[in-house]
Amino acid sequence: MKIQKSFQTDGPGGKLYLVPTPIGNLEDITLRALRVLKEADVIAAEDTRVTMKLLNHFQISGTVVSYHEHNKNQAGKQLLKFLKEGKEVALVCDAGTPGISDPGYEMVELCIEADIPVIALPGANAALTALTASGILPQPFYFYGFLPRKQKEKREVLEGLARLPAALVFYEAPHRLKETLAAIRECFGDRRMTVARELTKRFEEYVRGRVAEIAEWAEKNEPKGEFCLVVEGQAESDKAKEDAWWAELTVTEHVNRYADEGLPLMEAIKKAAKDRKRPKREIYKIYHGQKDDLS
């Protein structure tokens, strides 16, 4: 167990500050964030070019080094060296909060292991911004971030989230929005959802409706910008219906129902096994008469 008293540390080491930066509108940076950036001995940036634009806008000079997904192991060791020397390090990403779908988590781990204080500043975050204005019940909520790019993996993730009673929050790139909406409809059904794009920027836009309506909107309007998707969780009434539909069926009837819908037999057996939380081989044996057909 480790206890951190953030501002009562007299040790020789420095502190790591996680500094959120605006997701669009530069006015969203906090006074505290500006002070920390001015006072930091080192500013670690996801993309130094992006961060320099921000620093120049607020007339902040300082030592800026690169810390991103592809160099985080080596760069992290160097940052840790700075911190052990007593330097103050401010970690920023291109937009939003470090560590949330952006580099930062591994650096935090290194500091905790080395007993170096990690101080997170509150600030801009696209997920919470979209959630609070979505019109979807915001509590509880589940933040996932970017879904896998491959369709099979994406559907597996969505199927695993489909029964959660919490609002679901995703990030998505414009060129993958249409296929992601199709996957959400397939796995979740036609729930209410909100798509928010270009948050805090000039072309900020919220599209609220059912999944099918928003998919139709995306077909008619070429997606542009950065997207945040908020989908309502599964309602208790829907969960009860989903649980009940096969409850009175035997295993054989359950498999046949899926087969009648057009699924190949082995896929029908696999789905029935998943519904019943029983081994696939057991359902296979029951279906083929090698074991008693119990419901």
Protein backbone atom coordinates (compact mmCIF):
# COMPACT_ATOMS: atom_id res chain seq x y z
CA MET A 1 0.00 0.00 0.00
CA LYS A 2 1.20 3.50 -0.85
CA ILE A 3 -0.13 6.78 0.53
CA GLN A 4 0.51 10.03 -1.34
CA LYS A 5 0.18 13.38 0.43
CA SER A 6 0.45 15.51 -2.69
CA PHE A 7 1.46 18.81 -1.11
CA GLN A 8 3.09 17.64 2.10
CA THR A 9 6.15 16.01 0.56
CA ASP A 10 9.59 17.19 1.66
CA GLY A 11 11.50 14.52 -0.25
CA PRO A 12 14.25 15.27 -2.76
CA GLY A 13 12.24 14.25 -5.83
CA GLY A 14 10.02 16.33 -8.07
CA LYS A 15 6.36 15.91 -8.98
CA LEU A 16 4.57 14.72 -12.10
CA TYR A 17 1.63 16.94 -13.09
CA LEU A 18 -1.03 15.63 -15.47
CA VAL A 19 -2.23 18.76 -17.24
CA PRO A 20 -5.40 18.69 -19.38
CA THR A 21 -5.34 20.91 -22.46
CA PRO A 22 -8.31 22.30 -24.42
CA ILE A 23 -10.11 19.92 -26.79
CA GLY A 24 -10.86 22.81 -29.12
CA ASN A 25 -11.59 26.17 -27.53
CA LEU A 26 -8.40 27.58 -25.99
CA GLU A 27 -10.46 29.48 -23.39
CA ASP A 28 -11.13 26.13 -21.69
CA ILE A 29 -7.64 25.91 -20.21
CA THR A 30 -7.60 26.63 -16.48
CA LEU A 31 -5.58 29.28 -14.67
CA ARG A 32 -3.95 26.52 -12.65
CA ALA A 33 -2.94 24.62 -15.79
CA LEU A 34 -1.29 27.76 -17.17
CA ARG A 35 0.60 28.29 -13.91
CA VAL A 36 1.84 24.69 -13.81
CA LEU A 37 3.00 24.88 -17.42
CA LYS A 38 4.86 28.12 -16.71
CA GLU A 39 6.56 26.75 -13.60
CA ALA A 40 7.40 23.27 -14.91
CA ASP A 41 11.05 22.44 -15.50
CA VAL A 42 10.05 20.02 -18.27
CA ILE A 43 6.90 19.74 -20.38
CA ALA A 44 6.38 16.27 -21.85
CA ALA A 45 4.18 16.45 -24.95
CA GLU A 46 2.45 13.87 -27.14
CA ASP A 47 3.22 16.00 -30.21
CA THR A 48 5.65 18.83 -29.53
CA ARG A 49 4.40 20.78 -32.55
CA VAL A 50 0.84 20.85 -31.24
CA THR A 51 1.93 21.73 -27.73
CA MET A 52 4.22 24.54 -28.93
CA LYS A 53 1.23 26.21 -30.60
CA LEU A 54 -0.57 26.19 -27.26
CA LEU A 55 2.45 27.43 -25.33
CA ASN A 56 3.16 30.20 -27.84
CA HIS A 57 -0.48 31.33 -27.68
CA PHE A 58 -0.18 31.83 -23.92
CA GLN A 59 3.42 33.10 -24.13
CA ILE A 60 4.86 30.22 -22.16
CA SER A 61 8.46 29.22 -22.69
CA GLY A 62 10.08 26.10 -21.33
CA THR A 63 11.82 22.84 -22.10
CA VAL A 64 9.52 20.65 -24.20
CA VAL A 65 10.33 16.99 -24.77
CA SER A 66 8.51 14.26 -26.67
CA TYR A 67 6.47 11.58 -24.88
CA HIS A 68 4.11 9.54 -27.04
CA GLU A 69 2.84 6.03 -27.71
CA HIS A 70 5.87 4.97 -29.73
CA ASN A 71 8.66 6.26 -27.47
CA LYS A 72 6.99 6.02 -24.04
CA ASN A 73 9.35 3.36 -22.69
CA GLN A 74 12.59 5.21 -23.39
CA ALA A 75 11.11 8.68 -22.84
CA GLY A 76 9.52 7.52 -19.61
CA LYS A 77 12.92 6.53 -18.20
CA GLN A 78 14.30 9.96 -19.05
CA LEU A 79 11.34 11.72 -17.43
CA LEU A 80 11.78 9.57 -14.33
CA LYS A 81 15.43 10.64 -14.20
CA PHE A 82 14.36 14.30 -14.30
CA LEU A 83 11.86 13.69 -11.50
CA LYS A 84 14.40 11.93 -9.30
CA GLU A 85 16.69 14.95 -9.78
CA GLY A 86 13.95 17.11 -8.26
CA LYS A 87 12.55 18.58 -11.47
CA GLU A 88 8.84 19.31 -11.91
CA VAL A 89 7.42 17.61 -15.00
CA ALA A 90 4.13 18.56 -16.67
CA LEU A 91 2.67 15.86 -18.92
CA VAL A 92 0.23 16.95 -21.64
CA CYS A 93 -1.43 15.30 -24.63
CA ASP A 94 -2.58 16.98 -27.82
CA ALA A 95 -6.07 17.64 -26.46
CA GLY A 96 -7.91 16.62 -23.31
CA THR A 97 -6.68 14.72 -20.28
CA PRO A 98 -3.46 12.64 -20.36
CA GLY A 99 -4.10 8.93 -19.87
CA ILE A 100 -7.67 8.97 -21.24
CA SER A 101 -7.28 7.42 -24.72
CA ASP A 102 -3.92 9.24 -24.79
CA PRO A 103 -0.40 8.46 -23.46
CA GLY A 104 0.13 8.84 -19.72
CA TYR A 105 -0.86 5.70 -17.84
CA GLU A 106 2.57 4.07 -18.05
CA MET A 107 4.28 7.23 -16.79
CA VAL A 108 1.94 7.34 -13.82
CA GLU A 109 2.81 3.72 -13.05
CA LEU A 110 6.53 4.48 -13.11
CA CYS A 111 6.10 7.40 -10.72
CA ILE A 112 3.94 5.47 -8.26
CA GLU A 113 6.50 2.68 -8.17
CA ALA A 114 9.27 5.23 -7.51
CA ASP A 115 7.23 7.05 -4.79
CA ILE A 116 7.08 10.23 -6.87
CA PRO A 117 3.84 12.23 -6.37
CA VAL A 118 1.43 12.27 -9.30
CA ILE A 119 -0.85 15.30 -9.30
CA ALA A 120 -3.78 15.32 -11.72
CA LEU A 121 -5.34 18.64 -12.63
CA PRO A 122 -9.03 18.77 -13.55
CA GLY A 123 -9.87 20.05 -16.98
CA ALA A 124 -11.11 19.38 -20.49
CA ASN A 125 -12.39 15.93 -21.43
CA ALA A 126 -14.47 15.10 -24.51
CA ALA A 127 -16.26 12.09 -22.98
CA LEU A 128 -17.73 13.99 -20.03
CA THR A 129 -18.54 17.01 -22.18
CA ALA A 130 -20.55 14.85 -24.59
CA LEU A 131 -22.17 12.77 -21.85
CA THR A 132 -23.52 15.69 -19.85
CA ALA A 133 -25.18 17.28 -22.90
CA SER A 134 -26.30 14.03 -24.54
CA GLY A 135 -29.74 13.74 -23.00
CA ILE A 136 -28.86 10.16 -22.02
CA LEU A 137 -29.04 9.34 -18.29
CA PRO A 138 -25.41 10.02 -17.26
CA GLN A 139 -25.22 7.88 -14.14
CA PRO A 140 -23.93 5.26 -14.15
CA PHE A 141 -21.79 5.47 -17.26
CA TYR A 142 -19.09 3.30 -18.83
CA PHE A 143 -16.30 4.91 -20.81
CA TYR A 144 -14.69 2.64 -23.40
CA GLY A 145 -12.87 5.03 -25.75
CA PHE A 146 -11.88 3.85 -29.23
CA LEU A 147 -13.34 0.50 -30.31
CA PRO A 148 -11.11 -2.05 -32.11
CA ARG A 149 -10.68 -1.35 -35.82
CA LYS A 150 -11.32 -4.91 -37.01
CA GLN A 151 -15.01 -5.65 -37.42
CA LYS A 152 -14.94 -9.04 -35.68
CA GLU A 153 -13.15 -7.67 -32.63
CA LYS A 154 -15.40 -4.62 -32.58
CA ARG A 155 -18.54 -6.76 -32.50
CA GLU A 156 -17.11 -8.96 -29.76
CA VAL A 157 -16.51 -5.90 -27.58
CA LEU A 158 -19.97 -4.50 -28.28
CA GLU A 159 -21.64 -7.83 -27.55
CA GLY A 160 -19.85 -7.86 -24.21
CA LEU A 161 -21.18 -4.38 -23.38
CA ALA A 162 -24.71 -4.85 -24.72
CA ARG A 163 -26.30 -5.85 -21.40
CA LEU A 164 -24.79 -3.10 -19.25
CA PRO A 165 -27.44 -0.82 -17.71
CA ALA A 166 -25.02 2.14 -17.92
CA ALA A 167 -24.65 4.85 -20.56
CA LEU A 168 -21.83 3.84 -22.91
CA VAL A 169 -19.31 6.37 -24.20
CA PHE A 170 -17.08 5.78 -27.23
CA TYR A 171 -14.67 7.81 -29.37
CA GLU A 172 -14.63 7.29 -33.13
CA ALA A 173 -12.83 8.57 -36.20
CA PRO A 174 -14.99 10.00 -39.02
CA HIS A 175 -14.01 7.36 -41.60
CA ARG A 176 -15.13 4.54 -39.28
CA LEU A 177 -18.33 6.14 -37.97
CA LYS A 178 -20.76 4.46 -40.40
CA GLU A 179 -19.50 0.92 -39.83
CA THR A 180 -19.43 1.50 -36.06
CA LEU A 181 -23.05 2.71 -36.07
CA ALA A 182 -24.02 -0.42 -38.02
CA ALA A 183 -22.24 -2.62 -35.46
CA ILE A 184 -23.90 -0.80 -32.55
CA ARG A 185 -27.33 -1.31 -34.09
CA GLU A 186 -26.61 -4.99 -34.71
CA CYS A 187 -25.37 -5.62 -31.15
CA PHE A 188 -27.51 -3.19 -29.11
CA GLY A 189 -30.67 -2.80 -31.16
CA ASP A 190 -32.26 0.56 -31.96
CA ARG A 191 -31.53 2.36 -28.70
CA ARG A 192 -31.40 6.08 -28.05
CA MET A 193 -28.00 7.63 -28.62
CA THR A 194 -26.24 10.93 -29.19
CA VAL A 195 -23.34 11.65 -31.52
CA ALA A 196 -21.30 14.75 -30.69
CA ARG A 197 -18.68 16.10 -33.06
CA GLU A 198 -16.07 18.85 -32.98
CA LEU A 199 -16.80 19.61 -29.31
CA THR A 200 -16.07 23.20 -28.19
CA LYS A 201 -15.06 24.13 -31.76
CA ARG A 202 -16.79 26.36 -34.29
CA PHE A 203 -18.67 23.48 -35.96
CA GLU A 204 -19.73 21.75 -32.74
CA GLU A 205 -22.79 19.60 -33.41
CA TYR A 206 -24.99 17.17 -31.45
CA VAL A 207 -27.16 14.63 -33.25
CA ARG A 208 -29.69 12.99 -30.92
CA GLY A 209 -32.08 10.17 -31.78
CA ARG A 210 -32.26 6.42 -32.29
CA VAL A 211 -29.32 4.44 -33.65
CA ALA A 212 -31.15 3.87 -36.97
CA GLU A 213 -31.90 7.58 -37.35
CA ILE A 214 -28.31 8.57 -36.68
CA ALA A 215 -27.03 5.91 -39.08
CA GLU A 216 -29.30 7.41 -41.76
CA TRP A 217 -27.97 10.89 -40.90
CA ALA A 218 -24.39 9.63 -41.30
CA GLU A 219 -25.23 8.23 -44.75
CA LYS A 220 -26.63 11.58 -45.90
CA ASN A 221 -23.97 13.76 -44.26
CA GLU A 222 -20.33 12.82 -44.78
CA PRO A 223 -18.85 12.52 -41.26
CA LYS A 224 -16.19 15.12 -40.52
CA GLY A 225 -14.24 15.93 -37.39
CA GLU A 226 -13.76 14.06 -34.13
CA PHE A 227 -16.73 12.10 -32.77
CA CYS A 228 -17.92 11.09 -29.34
CA LEU A 229 -20.78 8.55 -29.16
CA VAL A 230 -23.09 8.19 -26.15
CA VAL A 231 -25.46 5.19 -26.18
CA GLU A 232 -28.08 4.50 -23.52
CA GLY A 233 -27.63 1.37 -21.44
CA GLN A 234 -29.88 -1.66 -21.61
CA ALA A 235 -33.22 -1.02 -19.92
CA GLU A 236 -34.33 -3.45 -17.21
CA SER A 237 -37.46 -4.27 -19.21
CA ASP A 238 -35.34 -5.18 -22.25
CA LYS A 239 -33.05 -7.28 -20.09
CA ALA A 240 -36.01 -9.19 -18.66
CA LYS A 241 -37.38 -9.86 -22.15
CA GLU A 242 -33.98 -10.99 -23.36
CA ASP A 243 -33.57 -13.34 -20.41
CA ALA A 244 -37.09 -14.74 -20.79
CA TRP A 245 -37.39 -15.54 -24.48
CA TRP A 246 -35.65 -18.95 -24.35
CA ALA A 247 -36.32 -19.85 -20.71
CA GLU A 248 -39.21 -22.22 -21.49
CA LEU A 249 -37.44 -23.90 -24.41
CA THR A 250 -35.51 -27.16 -24.30
CA VAL A 251 -31.92 -27.07 -25.48
CA THR A 252 -32.94 -28.62 -28.82
CA GLU A 253 -35.73 -26.07 -29.31
CA HIS A 254 -33.33 -23.28 -28.40
CA VAL A 255 -30.79 -24.39 -31.02
CA ASN A 256 -33.52 -24.93 -33.62
CA ARG A 257 -34.84 -21.41 -33.07
CA TYR A 258 -31.47 -19.97 -34.08
CA ALA A 259 -31.18 -22.44 -36.96
CA ASP A 260 -34.63 -21.39 -38.22
CA GLU A 261 -33.36 -17.79 -38.30
CA GLY A 262 -30.73 -18.88 -40.82
CA LEU A 263 -27.68 -19.50 -38.65
CA PRO A 264 -25.46 -22.50 -39.51
CA LEU A 265 -25.99 -25.32 -37.05
CA MET A 266 -22.65 -24.96 -35.25
CA GLU A 267 -23.19 -21.21 -34.88
CA ALA A 268 -26.69 -21.87 -33.50
CA ILE A 269 -25.23 -24.31 -30.97
CA LYS A 270 -22.56 -21.77 -30.02
CA LYS A 271 -25.17 -19.02 -29.45
CA ALA A 272 -27.42 -21.29 -27.41
CA ALA A 273 -24.43 -22.28 -25.27
CA LYS A 274 -23.58 -18.62 -24.71
CA ASP A 275 -27.18 -17.80 -23.74
CA ARG A 276 -27.27 -20.62 -21.22
CA LYS A 277 -23.69 -20.09 -20.01
CA ARG A 278 -22.95 -23.76 -20.63
CA PRO A 279 -20.07 -25.43 -22.54
CA LYS A 280 -20.60 -25.65 -26.29
CA ARG A 281 -19.66 -29.33 -26.34
CA GLU A 282 -22.42 -30.04 -23.79
CA ILE A 283 -25.07 -28.31 -25.94
CA TYR A 284 -23.71 -30.20 -28.98
CA LYS A 285 -24.11 -33.56 -27.23
CA ILE A 286 -27.63 -32.73 -26.07
CA TYR A 287 -28.68 -31.60 -29.52
CA HIS A 288 -27.35 -34.76 -31.15
CA GLY A 289 -29.02 -37.02 -28.60
CA GLN A 290 -25.86 -38.03 -26.79
CA LYS A 291 -27.14 -36.56 -23.52
CA ASP A 292 -30.54 -35.91 -21.91
CA ASP A 293 -32.26 -32.77 -23.29
CA LEU A 294 -32.71 -30.61 -20.21
CA SER A 295 -33.92 -27.03 -20.25
